[in-house]
Amino acid sequence: MKKLIAPALLAVLALTGCSAAATPAPAATPALSMAKPTEAQKTALMTDLAKVNPRIEGTRSFVSATLACRAILKGEPEEAQIMTVQDRFSRSADQPISEADARRIVEIIKANGFCVKA
């Protein structure tokens, strides 16, 4: 009798997972890509951003603008865009960026023409 119980328990344990419904793997979301900006667009963007705050310059600020653009293209809520811009540009400018300036930066990024899907 003991010899039959052990294999029966093993069979029950082995088959326990087989009855569960298979859950489909989450669908991969396509990576968001933006069009590569022209040099003229980069220059115009950086010139406009420097008007908001002269310390917004260089590669770090351009990367911050690119990341802000991706948030815009993803359709994130405007308040989330403002918070993201305020955080990133405060770091790239090495000084706090006000909410009003962050709003101006978002508008500049939207209007510049470099923030478009590829």
N, C-alpha and C. Protein backbone atom coordinates (compact mmCIF):
# COMPACT_ATOMS: atom_id res chain seq x y z
N MET A 1 0.82 -1.19 0.00
CA MET A 1 0.00 0.00 0.00
C MET A 1 0.87 1.26 0.00
N LYS A 2 1.93 1.26 0.86
CA LYS A 2 2.81 2.41 0.92
C LYS A 2 3.51 2.62 -0.42
N LYS A 3 3.78 1.54 -1.12
CA LYS A 3 4.46 1.64 -2.41
C LYS A 3 3.56 2.33 -3.44
N LEU A 4 2.28 2.26 -3.31
CA LEU A 4 1.35 2.87 -4.26
C LEU A 4 1.06 4.33 -3.93
N ILE A 5 1.13 4.69 -2.67
CA ILE A 5 0.81 6.06 -2.26
C ILE A 5 1.85 7.05 -2.77
N ALA A 6 3.12 6.74 -2.64
CA ALA A 6 4.18 7.67 -3.05
C ALA A 6 4.10 7.99 -4.55
N PRO A 7 4.01 6.99 -5.44
CA PRO A 7 3.90 7.33 -6.87
C PRO A 7 2.60 8.08 -7.20
N ALA A 8 1.53 7.77 -6.49
CA ALA A 8 0.26 8.46 -6.74
C ALA A 8 0.38 9.93 -6.35
N LEU A 9 1.01 10.21 -5.22
CA LEU A 9 1.21 11.60 -4.80
C LEU A 9 2.11 12.35 -5.79
N LEU A 10 3.15 11.70 -6.25
CA LEU A 10 4.03 12.34 -7.23
C LEU A 10 3.28 12.65 -8.53
N ALA A 11 2.43 11.74 -8.94
CA ALA A 11 1.65 11.97 -10.16
C ALA A 11 0.69 13.14 -9.99
N VAL A 12 0.06 13.22 -8.82
CA VAL A 12 -0.86 14.33 -8.55
C VAL A 12 -0.10 15.65 -8.55
N LEU A 13 1.05 15.68 -7.89
CA LEU A 13 1.86 16.90 -7.86
C LEU A 13 2.35 17.29 -9.25
N ALA A 14 2.74 16.30 -10.03
CA ALA A 14 3.25 16.59 -11.37
C ALA A 14 2.17 17.16 -12.28
N LEU A 15 0.94 16.68 -12.10
CA LEU A 15 -0.14 17.12 -12.97
C LEU A 15 -0.85 18.38 -12.47
N THR A 16 -0.52 18.82 -11.27
CA THR A 16 -1.20 19.99 -10.71
C THR A 16 -1.03 21.21 -11.60
N GLY A 17 0.15 21.47 -12.09
CA GLY A 17 0.39 22.63 -12.93
C GLY A 17 -0.19 22.50 -14.32
N CYS A 18 -0.49 21.29 -14.75
CA CYS A 18 -0.98 21.08 -16.11
C CYS A 18 -2.41 21.58 -16.31
N SER A 19 -3.19 21.65 -15.25
CA SER A 19 -4.58 22.03 -15.43
C SER A 19 -4.79 23.54 -15.48
N ALA A 20 -3.78 24.29 -15.13
CA ALA A 20 -3.92 25.75 -15.12
C ALA A 20 -3.98 26.28 -16.55
N ALA A 21 -4.81 27.26 -16.75
CA ALA A 21 -4.92 27.87 -18.08
C ALA A 21 -3.64 28.66 -18.36
N ALA A 22 -3.18 28.54 -19.56
CA ALA A 22 -1.96 29.26 -19.94
C ALA A 22 -2.27 30.74 -20.04
N THR A 23 -1.43 31.54 -19.44
CA THR A 23 -1.61 32.99 -19.54
C THR A 23 -0.72 33.49 -20.66
N PRO A 24 -1.29 34.27 -21.55
CA PRO A 24 -0.48 34.77 -22.66
C PRO A 24 0.58 35.75 -22.16
N ALA A 25 1.70 35.73 -22.82
CA ALA A 25 2.77 36.67 -22.48
C ALA A 25 2.30 38.08 -22.84
N PRO A 26 2.69 39.06 -22.03
CA PRO A 26 2.29 40.43 -22.36
C PRO A 26 2.85 40.84 -23.71
N ALA A 27 2.04 41.53 -24.46
CA ALA A 27 2.47 41.98 -25.78
C ALA A 27 3.55 43.05 -25.62
N ALA A 28 4.56 42.93 -26.42
CA ALA A 28 5.63 43.92 -26.38
C ALA A 28 5.13 45.22 -26.99
N THR A 29 5.44 46.31 -26.32
CA THR A 29 5.06 47.60 -26.88
C THR A 29 6.19 48.08 -27.76
N PRO A 30 5.87 48.59 -28.92
CA PRO A 30 6.94 49.04 -29.81
C PRO A 30 7.67 50.23 -29.19
N ALA A 31 8.97 50.26 -29.42
CA ALA A 31 9.77 51.37 -28.90
C ALA A 31 9.36 52.66 -29.61
N LEU A 32 9.27 53.70 -28.83
CA LEU A 32 8.90 54.99 -29.39
C LEU A 32 10.16 55.61 -29.99
N SER A 33 10.09 55.96 -31.25
CA SER A 33 11.26 56.59 -31.86
C SER A 33 10.85 57.94 -32.42
N MET A 34 11.74 58.87 -32.24
CA MET A 34 11.49 60.21 -32.76
C MET A 34 12.41 60.43 -33.95
N ALA A 35 11.97 61.32 -34.81
CA ALA A 35 12.76 61.65 -35.99
C ALA A 35 14.06 62.32 -35.54
N LYS A 36 15.12 62.05 -36.26
CA LYS A 36 16.41 62.66 -35.92
C LYS A 36 16.34 64.15 -36.27
N PRO A 37 16.62 65.00 -35.28
CA PRO A 37 16.54 66.44 -35.55
C PRO A 37 17.69 66.91 -36.45
N THR A 38 17.41 67.93 -37.23
CA THR A 38 18.46 68.53 -38.05
C THR A 38 19.32 69.43 -37.16
N GLU A 39 20.47 69.81 -37.66
CA GLU A 39 21.33 70.73 -36.90
C GLU A 39 20.63 72.06 -36.69
N ALA A 40 19.88 72.51 -37.69
CA ALA A 40 19.15 73.78 -37.55
C ALA A 40 18.11 73.68 -36.44
N GLN A 41 17.42 72.54 -36.34
CA GLN A 41 16.43 72.36 -35.27
C GLN A 41 17.10 72.33 -33.90
N LYS A 42 18.24 71.64 -33.82
CA LYS A 42 18.98 71.60 -32.55
C LYS A 42 19.41 73.00 -32.13
N THR A 43 19.97 73.73 -33.07
CA THR A 43 20.44 75.09 -32.77
C THR A 43 19.28 75.98 -32.34
N ALA A 44 18.18 75.92 -33.08
CA ALA A 44 17.01 76.75 -32.74
C ALA A 44 16.47 76.37 -31.36
N LEU A 45 16.41 75.07 -31.09
CA LEU A 45 15.91 74.61 -29.79
C LEU A 45 16.79 75.13 -28.66
N MET A 46 18.10 74.96 -28.80
CA MET A 46 19.00 75.38 -27.73
C MET A 46 18.99 76.90 -27.56
N THR A 47 18.83 77.64 -28.64
CA THR A 47 18.73 79.10 -28.56
C THR A 47 17.47 79.51 -27.80
N ASP A 48 16.34 78.86 -28.13
CA ASP A 48 15.08 79.17 -27.45
C ASP A 48 15.12 78.77 -25.98
N LEU A 49 15.74 77.63 -25.67
CA LEU A 49 15.84 77.20 -24.28
C LEU A 49 16.72 78.13 -23.46
N ALA A 50 17.78 78.65 -24.08
CA ALA A 50 18.67 79.58 -23.38
C ALA A 50 17.96 80.89 -23.05
N LYS A 51 16.92 81.22 -23.81
CA LYS A 51 16.14 82.42 -23.49
C LYS A 51 15.34 82.23 -22.20
N VAL A 52 14.96 80.99 -21.91
CA VAL A 52 14.25 80.69 -20.67
C VAL A 52 15.23 80.77 -19.50
N ASN A 53 16.40 80.17 -19.70
CA ASN A 53 17.42 80.16 -18.66
C ASN A 53 18.78 80.01 -19.35
N PRO A 54 19.67 80.98 -19.21
CA PRO A 54 20.96 80.93 -19.90
C PRO A 54 21.82 79.72 -19.52
N ARG A 55 21.53 79.09 -18.39
CA ARG A 55 22.32 77.92 -17.98
C ARG A 55 21.86 76.64 -18.67
N ILE A 56 20.78 76.72 -19.43
CA ILE A 56 20.33 75.56 -20.20
C ILE A 56 21.13 75.56 -21.49
N GLU A 57 22.15 74.71 -21.51
CA GLU A 57 23.03 74.64 -22.68
C GLU A 57 23.71 73.29 -22.71
N GLY A 58 24.30 72.97 -23.81
CA GLY A 58 25.13 71.78 -23.93
C GLY A 58 24.37 70.48 -24.11
N THR A 59 25.15 69.42 -24.15
CA THR A 59 24.64 68.08 -24.43
C THR A 59 23.64 67.61 -23.39
N ARG A 60 23.92 67.85 -22.11
CA ARG A 60 22.99 67.40 -21.06
C ARG A 60 21.61 68.02 -21.25
N SER A 61 21.57 69.27 -21.59
CA SER A 61 20.28 69.93 -21.79
C SER A 61 19.58 69.41 -23.04
N PHE A 62 20.34 69.11 -24.08
CA PHE A 62 19.73 68.56 -25.29
C PHE A 62 19.16 67.17 -25.00
N VAL A 63 19.89 66.37 -24.24
CA VAL A 63 19.39 65.05 -23.85
C VAL A 63 18.11 65.20 -23.02
N SER A 64 18.09 66.16 -22.11
CA SER A 64 16.89 66.42 -21.31
C SER A 64 15.71 66.79 -22.21
N ALA A 65 15.97 67.59 -23.24
CA ALA A 65 14.91 67.98 -24.18
C ALA A 65 14.41 66.77 -24.96
N THR A 66 15.33 65.89 -25.34
CA THR A 66 14.95 64.68 -26.07
C THR A 66 14.08 63.78 -25.20
N LEU A 67 14.45 63.62 -23.94
CA LEU A 67 13.65 62.79 -23.02
C LEU A 67 12.28 63.43 -22.78
N ALA A 68 12.24 64.74 -22.69
CA ALA A 68 10.96 65.43 -22.53
C ALA A 68 10.10 65.23 -23.77
N CYS A 69 10.72 65.26 -24.93
CA CYS A 69 9.99 65.02 -26.18
C CYS A 69 9.37 63.63 -26.18
N ARG A 70 10.10 62.64 -25.73
CA ARG A 70 9.55 61.28 -25.69
C ARG A 70 8.33 61.21 -24.78
N ALA A 71 8.38 61.91 -23.65
CA ALA A 71 7.22 61.94 -22.75
C ALA A 71 6.03 62.60 -23.44
N ILE A 72 6.30 63.64 -24.21
CA ILE A 72 5.25 64.34 -24.96
C ILE A 72 4.65 63.40 -26.01
N LEU A 73 5.51 62.72 -26.76
CA LEU A 73 5.04 61.83 -27.82
C LEU A 73 4.29 60.63 -27.27
N LYS A 74 4.64 60.18 -26.07
CA LYS A 74 3.92 59.08 -25.43
C LYS A 74 2.53 59.50 -24.99
N GLY A 75 2.30 60.81 -24.94
CA GLY A 75 1.00 61.30 -24.51
C GLY A 75 0.84 61.36 -23.01
N GLU A 76 1.96 61.48 -22.30
CA GLU A 76 1.87 61.60 -20.85
C GLU A 76 1.08 62.86 -20.49
N PRO A 77 0.38 62.85 -19.37
CA PRO A 77 -0.38 64.04 -18.95
C PRO A 77 0.53 65.26 -18.84
N GLU A 78 -0.02 66.42 -19.13
CA GLU A 78 0.78 67.65 -19.15
C GLU A 78 1.49 67.90 -17.82
N GLU A 79 0.81 67.64 -16.71
CA GLU A 79 1.45 67.87 -15.41
C GLU A 79 2.66 66.96 -15.22
N ALA A 80 2.58 65.73 -15.72
CA ALA A 80 3.72 64.81 -15.64
C ALA A 80 4.86 65.32 -16.51
N GLN A 81 4.52 65.86 -17.68
CA GLN A 81 5.55 66.44 -18.55
C GLN A 81 6.26 67.59 -17.84
N ILE A 82 5.48 68.45 -17.19
CA ILE A 82 6.04 69.61 -16.49
C ILE A 82 6.98 69.15 -15.38
N MET A 83 6.54 68.16 -14.60
CA MET A 83 7.38 67.66 -13.51
C MET A 83 8.67 67.04 -14.04
N THR A 84 8.56 66.28 -15.13
CA THR A 84 9.75 65.66 -15.72
C THR A 84 10.72 66.72 -16.20
N VAL A 85 10.21 67.72 -16.90
CA VAL A 85 11.06 68.80 -17.41
C VAL A 85 11.70 69.56 -16.26
N GLN A 86 10.92 69.85 -15.25
CA GLN A 86 11.45 70.60 -14.11
C GLN A 86 12.59 69.81 -13.45
N ASP A 87 12.41 68.52 -13.28
CA ASP A 87 13.44 67.69 -12.66
C ASP A 87 14.68 67.59 -13.53
N ARG A 88 14.51 67.22 -14.79
CA ARG A 88 15.66 67.00 -15.66
C ARG A 88 16.44 68.28 -15.95
N PHE A 89 15.72 69.35 -16.24
CA PHE A 89 16.42 70.60 -16.57
C PHE A 89 17.04 71.24 -15.33
N SER A 90 16.49 70.99 -14.16
CA SER A 90 17.13 71.49 -12.94
C SER A 90 18.49 70.83 -12.77
N ARG A 91 18.57 69.55 -13.14
CA ARG A 91 19.86 68.85 -13.05
C ARG A 91 20.81 69.29 -14.15
N SER A 92 20.31 69.43 -15.37
CA SER A 92 21.22 69.79 -16.46
C SER A 92 21.68 71.24 -16.38
N ALA A 93 20.88 72.11 -15.78
CA ALA A 93 21.27 73.52 -15.62
C ALA A 93 21.98 73.75 -14.28
N ASP A 94 22.04 72.72 -13.44
CA ASP A 94 22.67 72.82 -12.12
C ASP A 94 22.04 73.90 -11.25
N GLN A 95 20.76 74.13 -11.44
CA GLN A 95 20.01 75.05 -10.58
C GLN A 95 18.53 74.75 -10.75
N PRO A 96 17.72 75.05 -9.75
CA PRO A 96 16.29 74.74 -9.85
C PRO A 96 15.61 75.49 -11.00
N ILE A 97 14.72 74.79 -11.68
CA ILE A 97 13.90 75.37 -12.75
C ILE A 97 12.49 75.52 -12.17
N SER A 98 11.93 76.69 -12.30
CA SER A 98 10.58 76.93 -11.75
C SER A 98 9.54 76.20 -12.60
N GLU A 99 8.36 76.04 -12.02
CA GLU A 99 7.27 75.40 -12.76
C GLU A 99 6.90 76.23 -13.99
N ALA A 100 6.91 77.55 -13.85
CA ALA A 100 6.59 78.43 -14.98
C ALA A 100 7.60 78.24 -16.11
N ASP A 101 8.89 78.16 -15.75
CA ASP A 101 9.92 77.94 -16.77
C ASP A 101 9.78 76.55 -17.38
N ALA A 102 9.42 75.56 -16.57
CA ALA A 102 9.22 74.21 -17.10
C ALA A 102 8.08 74.20 -18.12
N ARG A 103 7.02 74.94 -17.84
CA ARG A 103 5.91 75.04 -18.80
C ARG A 103 6.37 75.68 -20.10
N ARG A 104 7.18 76.73 -20.00
CA ARG A 104 7.72 77.38 -21.20
C ARG A 104 8.60 76.42 -21.98
N ILE A 105 9.40 75.63 -21.27
CA ILE A 105 10.28 74.67 -21.94
C ILE A 105 9.46 73.63 -22.70
N VAL A 106 8.40 73.12 -22.08
CA VAL A 106 7.54 72.14 -22.77
C VAL A 106 6.95 72.76 -24.03
N GLU A 107 6.49 73.99 -23.94
CA GLU A 107 5.92 74.66 -25.12
C GLU A 107 6.97 74.84 -26.21
N ILE A 108 8.19 75.19 -25.83
CA ILE A 108 9.27 75.35 -26.81
C ILE A 108 9.55 74.02 -27.50
N ILE A 109 9.62 72.95 -26.72
CA ILE A 109 9.90 71.63 -27.29
C ILE A 109 8.79 71.22 -28.25
N LYS A 110 7.55 71.48 -27.88
CA LYS A 110 6.43 71.13 -28.76
C LYS A 110 6.44 71.95 -30.04
N ALA A 111 6.81 73.22 -29.95
CA ALA A 111 6.72 74.13 -31.10
C ALA A 111 7.95 74.11 -32.00
N ASN A 112 9.05 73.59 -31.51
CA ASN A 112 10.32 73.67 -32.24
C ASN A 112 10.33 72.91 -33.56
N GLY A 113 9.62 71.80 -33.63
CA GLY A 113 9.62 71.01 -34.86
C GLY A 113 10.52 69.80 -34.79
N PHE A 114 11.36 69.69 -33.75
CA PHE A 114 12.22 68.52 -33.65
C PHE A 114 11.51 67.37 -32.95
N CYS A 115 10.44 67.66 -32.25
CA CYS A 115 9.75 66.64 -31.45
C CYS A 115 8.62 66.01 -32.27
N VAL A 116 9.01 65.12 -33.19
CA VAL A 116 8.04 64.42 -34.03
C VAL A 116 8.41 62.94 -34.08
N LYS A 117 7.38 62.11 -34.26
CA LYS A 117 7.63 60.67 -34.36
C LYS A 117 8.34 60.36 -35.67
N ALA A 118 9.17 59.33 -35.62
CA ALA A 118 9.89 58.91 -36.83
C ALA A 118 8.96 58.16 -37.76
